């Protein structure tokens, strides 16, 4: 799985992880949030983007994204479930890698592209339940900027 850093270009998962840890180690006394979120855009196929954001709270952030095309999906529910699955997959991989490298205390938040207003309000409980049941914190709109801002930017 390849990720793109807007400043450093294409990176493997390993390179992205090392870059993220280097960013944290530059200012280790700061507070950090590690966020993953996914969004999609429908065209003739669907573009899915999963973003990883390492947020140095109050002092900026660094992010990476993975982009993939997928066959057409009829249902919005199916797309939202797949976005959630993609975020969970990356969060699980990150969480394992953090534990292996002495950063087990760093919590991973998953930002979901669902909110109380709009077509996705009926599936909030379901996808939030998937995330919490997998051991991660879940955020929905308007607090899910990892999905609704960062990932969304690269679906276009």
C-alpha atoms as a PDB file:
ATOM      1  CA  UNK A   1       0.000   0.000   0.000  1.00  0.00           C
ATOM      2  CA  UNK A   2       1.503   3.306  -1.082  1.00  0.00           C
ATOM      3  CA  UNK A   3       0.869   6.659   0.526  1.00  0.00           C
ATOM      4  CA  UNK A   4       1.474  10.139  -0.806  1.00  0.00           C
ATOM      5  CA  UNK A   5       2.904  12.941   1.278  1.00  0.00           C
ATOM      6  CA  UNK A   6       2.182  16.341  -0.336  1.00  0.00           C
ATOM      7  CA  UNK A   7       5.720  17.450   0.551  1.00  0.00           C
ATOM      8  CA  UNK A   8       7.705  14.211   0.180  1.00  0.00           C
ATOM      9  CA  UNK A   9       5.892  12.338  -2.582  1.00  0.00           C
ATOM     10  CA  UNK A  10       5.106   8.626  -2.829  1.00  0.00           C
ATOM     11  CA  UNK A  11       6.037   6.512   0.181  1.00  0.00           C
ATOM     12  CA  UNK A  12       5.592   2.938   1.303  1.00  0.00           C
ATOM     13  CA  UNK A  13       3.656   2.302   4.514  1.00  0.00           C
ATOM     14  CA  UNK A  14       6.985   1.763   6.290  1.00  0.00           C
ATOM     15  CA  UNK A  15       8.453   5.043   4.993  1.00  0.00           C
ATOM     16  CA  UNK A  16       5.286   6.922   5.916  1.00  0.00           C
ATOM     17  CA  UNK A  17       5.324   5.443   9.428  1.00  0.00           C
ATOM     18  CA  UNK A  18       9.007   6.355   9.915  1.00  0.00           C
ATOM     19  CA  UNK A  19       8.368   9.905   8.684  1.00  0.00           C
ATOM     20  CA  UNK A  20       5.445  10.235  11.076  1.00  0.00           C
ATOM     21  CA  UNK A  21       7.538   9.007  14.029  1.00  0.00           C
ATOM     22  CA  UNK A  22      10.355  11.376  13.048  1.00  0.00           C
ATOM     23  CA  UNK A  23       7.806  14.235  13.120  1.00  0.00           C
ATOM     24  CA  UNK A  24       6.712  13.235  16.645  1.00  0.00           C
ATOM     25  CA  UNK A  25      10.309  12.879  17.842  1.00  0.00           C
ATOM     26  CA  UNK A  26      11.171  16.402  16.642  1.00  0.00           C
ATOM     27  CA  UNK A  27       9.028  17.763  19.493  1.00  0.00           C
ATOM     28  CA  UNK A  28       8.306  14.807  21.791  1.00  0.00           C
ATOM     29  CA  UNK A  29       6.864  16.898  24.630  1.00  0.00           C
ATOM     30  CA  UNK A  30       3.960  18.158  22.521  1.00  0.00           C
ATOM     31  CA  UNK A  31       0.524  16.550  22.439  1.00  0.00           C
ATOM     32  CA  UNK A  32      -0.341  14.544  19.296  1.00  0.00           C
ATOM     33  CA  UNK A  33      -3.463  13.129  17.721  1.00  0.00           C
ATOM     34  CA  UNK A  34      -3.167  10.344  15.189  1.00  0.00           C
ATOM     35  CA  UNK A  35      -6.162  10.366  12.869  1.00  0.00           C
ATOM     36  CA  UNK A  36      -7.303   8.273   9.961  1.00  0.00           C
ATOM     37  CA  UNK A  37     -10.329   8.963   7.814  1.00  0.00           C
ATOM     38  CA  UNK A  38     -11.670   8.001   4.411  1.00  0.00           C
ATOM     39  CA  UNK A  39     -13.904   9.626   1.836  1.00  0.00           C
ATOM     40  CA  UNK A  40     -15.131   8.724  -1.630  1.00  0.00           C
ATOM     41  CA  UNK A  41     -16.318  10.416  -4.792  1.00  0.00           C
ATOM     42  CA  UNK A  42     -18.521   8.704  -7.341  1.00  0.00           C
ATOM     43  CA  UNK A  43     -17.825   8.996 -11.041  1.00  0.00           C
ATOM     44  CA  UNK A  44     -17.820   6.162 -13.604  1.00  0.00           C
ATOM     45  CA  UNK A  45     -15.876   4.367 -10.887  1.00  0.00           C
ATOM     46  CA  UNK A  46     -15.497   5.414  -7.274  1.00  0.00           C
ATOM     47  CA  UNK A  47     -12.381   7.094  -5.944  1.00  0.00           C
ATOM     48  CA  UNK A  48     -11.640   6.179  -2.324  1.00  0.00           C
ATOM     49  CA  UNK A  49      -9.071   8.161  -0.368  1.00  0.00           C
ATOM     50  CA  UNK A  50      -7.796   7.223   3.073  1.00  0.00           C
ATOM     51  CA  UNK A  51      -5.852   9.891   4.943  1.00  0.00           C
ATOM     52  CA  UNK A  52      -3.517   9.614   7.917  1.00  0.00           C
ATOM     53  CA  UNK A  53      -2.954  12.807   9.861  1.00  0.00           C
ATOM     54  CA  UNK A  54      -0.457  13.290  12.653  1.00  0.00           C
ATOM     55  CA  UNK A  55      -1.680  16.444  14.381  1.00  0.00           C
ATOM     56  CA  UNK A  56       0.651  18.304  16.706  1.00  0.00           C
ATOM     57  CA  UNK A  57      -2.173  19.868  18.690  1.00  0.00           C
ATOM     58  CA  UNK A  58      -2.169  23.634  18.296  1.00  0.00           C
ATOM     59  CA  UNK A  59       1.009  23.571  16.196  1.00  0.00           C
ATOM     60  CA  UNK A  60       0.241  22.080  12.793  1.00  0.00           C
ATOM     61  CA  UNK A  61       0.109  18.647  11.270  1.00  0.00           C
ATOM     62  CA  UNK A  62       1.533  16.353   8.655  1.00  0.00           C
ATOM     63  CA  UNK A  63      -0.599  14.076   6.522  1.00  0.00           C
ATOM     64  CA  UNK A  64      -0.449  11.249   4.008  1.00  0.00           C
ATOM     65  CA  UNK A  65      -3.069   9.701   1.783  1.00  0.00           C
ATOM     66  CA  UNK A  66      -3.753   6.533  -0.163  1.00  0.00           C
ATOM     67  CA  UNK A  67      -5.963   6.708  -3.245  1.00  0.00           C
ATOM     68  CA  UNK A  68      -7.678   3.844  -5.036  1.00  0.00           C
ATOM     69  CA  UNK A  69     -10.333   3.290  -7.667  1.00  0.00           C
ATOM     70  CA  UNK A  70     -13.130   0.833  -7.111  1.00  0.00           C
ATOM     71  CA  UNK A  71     -15.990  -0.473  -9.154  1.00  0.00           C
ATOM     72  CA  UNK A  72     -19.266   1.374  -9.059  1.00  0.00           C
ATOM     73  CA  UNK A  73     -21.306   0.918  -5.870  1.00  0.00           C
ATOM     74  CA  UNK A  74     -25.014   1.507  -6.051  1.00  0.00           C
ATOM     75  CA  UNK A  75     -25.689   2.240  -2.412  1.00  0.00           C
ATOM     76  CA  UNK A  76     -24.454   5.128  -0.272  1.00  0.00           C
ATOM     77  CA  UNK A  77     -24.614   2.768   2.728  1.00  0.00           C
ATOM     78  CA  UNK A  78     -22.213   0.362   0.966  1.00  0.00           C
ATOM     79  CA  UNK A  79     -19.782   3.223   0.223  1.00  0.00           C
ATOM     80  CA  UNK A  80     -19.839   4.494   3.813  1.00  0.00           C
ATOM     81  CA  UNK A  81     -19.271   0.961   5.135  1.00  0.00           C
ATOM     82  CA  UNK A  82     -16.327   0.532   2.759  1.00  0.00           C
ATOM     83  CA  UNK A  83     -14.869   3.920   3.794  1.00  0.00           C
ATOM     84  CA  UNK A  84     -15.148   2.798   7.422  1.00  0.00           C
ATOM     85  CA  UNK A  85     -13.505  -0.528   6.584  1.00  0.00           C
ATOM     86  CA  UNK A  86     -10.593   1.244   4.844  1.00  0.00           C
ATOM     87  CA  UNK A  87     -10.052   3.520   7.846  1.00  0.00           C
ATOM     88  CA  UNK A  88     -10.235   0.585  10.259  1.00  0.00           C
ATOM     89  CA  UNK A  89      -7.750  -1.380   8.174  1.00  0.00           C
ATOM     90  CA  UNK A  90      -5.195   1.443   8.222  1.00  0.00           C
ATOM     91  CA  UNK A  91      -5.844   2.263  11.895  1.00  0.00           C
ATOM     92  CA  UNK A  92      -5.286  -1.386  12.864  1.00  0.00           C
ATOM     93  CA  UNK A  93      -2.068  -1.533  10.914  1.00  0.00           C
ATOM     94  CA  UNK A  94      -0.867   1.743  12.463  1.00  0.00           C
ATOM     95  CA  UNK A  95      -1.839   0.628  15.940  1.00  0.00           C
ATOM     96  CA  UNK A  96       0.124  -2.595  15.590  1.00  0.00           C
ATOM     97  CA  UNK A  97       3.164  -0.756  14.273  1.00  0.00           C
ATOM     98  CA  UNK A  98       2.961   1.812  17.084  1.00  0.00           C
ATOM     99  CA  UNK A  99       2.893  -0.994  19.678  1.00  0.00           C
ATOM    100  CA  UNK A 100       5.897  -2.716  18.092  1.00  0.00           C
ATOM    101  CA  UNK A 101       7.908   0.511  18.243  1.00  0.00           C
ATOM    102  CA  UNK A 102       7.183   1.711  21.762  1.00  0.00           C
ATOM    103  CA  UNK A 103       4.365   4.131  20.935  1.00  0.00           C
ATOM    104  CA  UNK A 104       1.448   2.032  22.220  1.00  0.00           C
ATOM    105  CA  UNK A 105       0.137   4.998  24.238  1.00  0.00           C
ATOM    106  CA  UNK A 106      -0.598   6.957  21.051  1.00  0.00           C
ATOM    107  CA  UNK A 107      -4.318   6.680  20.434  1.00  0.00           C
ATOM    108  CA  UNK A 108      -5.758   6.442  16.913  1.00  0.00           C
ATOM    109  CA  UNK A 109      -8.964   8.340  16.101  1.00  0.00           C
ATOM    110  CA  UNK A 110     -11.100   7.376  13.139  1.00  0.00           C
ATOM    111  CA  UNK A 111     -12.940  10.209  11.435  1.00  0.00           C
ATOM    112  CA  UNK A 112     -16.118   9.107   9.672  1.00  0.00           C
ATOM    113  CA  UNK A 113     -17.745  10.934   6.786  1.00  0.00           C
ATOM    114  CA  UNK A 114     -21.208  10.809   8.397  1.00  0.00           C
ATOM    115  CA  UNK A 115     -23.239  13.413  10.251  1.00  0.00           C
ATOM    116  CA  UNK A 116     -26.561  14.274  11.810  1.00  0.00           C
ATOM    117  CA  UNK A 117     -27.586  16.265   8.725  1.00  0.00           C
ATOM    118  CA  UNK A 118     -27.926  14.636   5.333  1.00  0.00           C
ATOM    119  CA  UNK A 119     -28.274  11.165   3.872  1.00  0.00           C
ATOM    120  CA  UNK A 120     -25.819   9.477   6.243  1.00  0.00           C
ATOM    121  CA  UNK A 121     -27.633  10.216   9.521  1.00  0.00           C
ATOM    122  CA  UNK A 122     -29.373   6.807   9.490  1.00  0.00           C
ATOM    123  CA  UNK A 123     -26.122   4.843   9.612  1.00  0.00           C
ATOM    124  CA  UNK A 124     -24.180   6.832  12.214  1.00  0.00           C
ATOM    125  CA  UNK A 125     -24.796   4.332  15.025  1.00  0.00           C
ATOM    126  CA  UNK A 126     -23.778   1.411  12.832  1.00  0.00           C
ATOM    127  CA  UNK A 127     -20.423   2.763  11.655  1.00  0.00           C
ATOM    128  CA  UNK A 128     -19.577   4.384  14.999  1.00  0.00           C
ATOM    129  CA  UNK A 129     -20.322   0.995  16.592  1.00  0.00           C
ATOM    130  CA  UNK A 130     -17.963  -0.728  14.136  1.00  0.00           C
ATOM    131  CA  UNK A 131     -15.168   1.681  15.056  1.00  0.00           C
ATOM    132  CA  UNK A 132     -15.686   1.620  18.825  1.00  0.00           C
ATOM    133  CA  UNK A 133     -16.126  -2.157  18.738  1.00  0.00           C
ATOM    134  CA  UNK A 134     -12.716  -2.363  17.053  1.00  0.00           C
ATOM    135  CA  UNK A 135     -11.110  -0.406  19.885  1.00  0.00           C
ATOM    136  CA  UNK A 136     -10.763   3.035  18.303  1.00  0.00           C
ATOM    137  CA  UNK A 137     -12.256   6.450  19.015  1.00  0.00           C
ATOM    138  CA  UNK A 138     -14.794   7.646  16.427  1.00  0.00           C
ATOM    139  CA  UNK A 139     -15.576  11.201  15.331  1.00  0.00           C
ATOM    140  CA  UNK A 140     -18.439  12.306  13.081  1.00  0.00           C
ATOM    141  CA  UNK A 141     -19.172  15.593  11.310  1.00  0.00           C
ATOM    142  CA  UNK A 142     -18.502  18.373  12.097  1.00  0.00           C
ATOM    143  CA  UNK A 143     -15.546  16.967  14.095  1.00  0.00           C
ATOM    144  CA  UNK A 144     -14.367  14.478  11.455  1.00  0.00           C
ATOM    145  CA  UNK A 145     -12.013  16.734   9.495  1.00  0.00           C
ATOM    146  CA  UNK A 146      -9.729  13.781   8.669  1.00  0.00           C
ATOM    147  CA  UNK A 147     -12.453  12.446   6.368  1.00  0.00           C
ATOM    148  CA  UNK A 148     -14.474  15.521   5.451  1.00  0.00           C
ATOM    149  CA  UNK A 149     -11.548  17.852   4.754  1.00  0.00           C
ATOM    150  CA  UNK A 150      -8.253  16.019   4.198  1.00  0.00           C
ATOM    151  CA  UNK A 151      -9.425  12.830   2.466  1.00  0.00           C
ATOM    152  CA  UNK A 152     -12.175  14.717   0.623  1.00  0.00           C
ATOM    153  CA  UNK A 153      -9.600  17.078  -0.909  1.00  0.00           C
ATOM    154  CA  UNK A 154      -7.991  14.201  -2.826  1.00  0.00           C
ATOM    155  CA  UNK A 155     -11.178  12.496  -4.071  1.00  0.00           C
ATOM    156  CA  UNK A 156     -11.763  15.246  -6.620  1.00  0.00           C
END
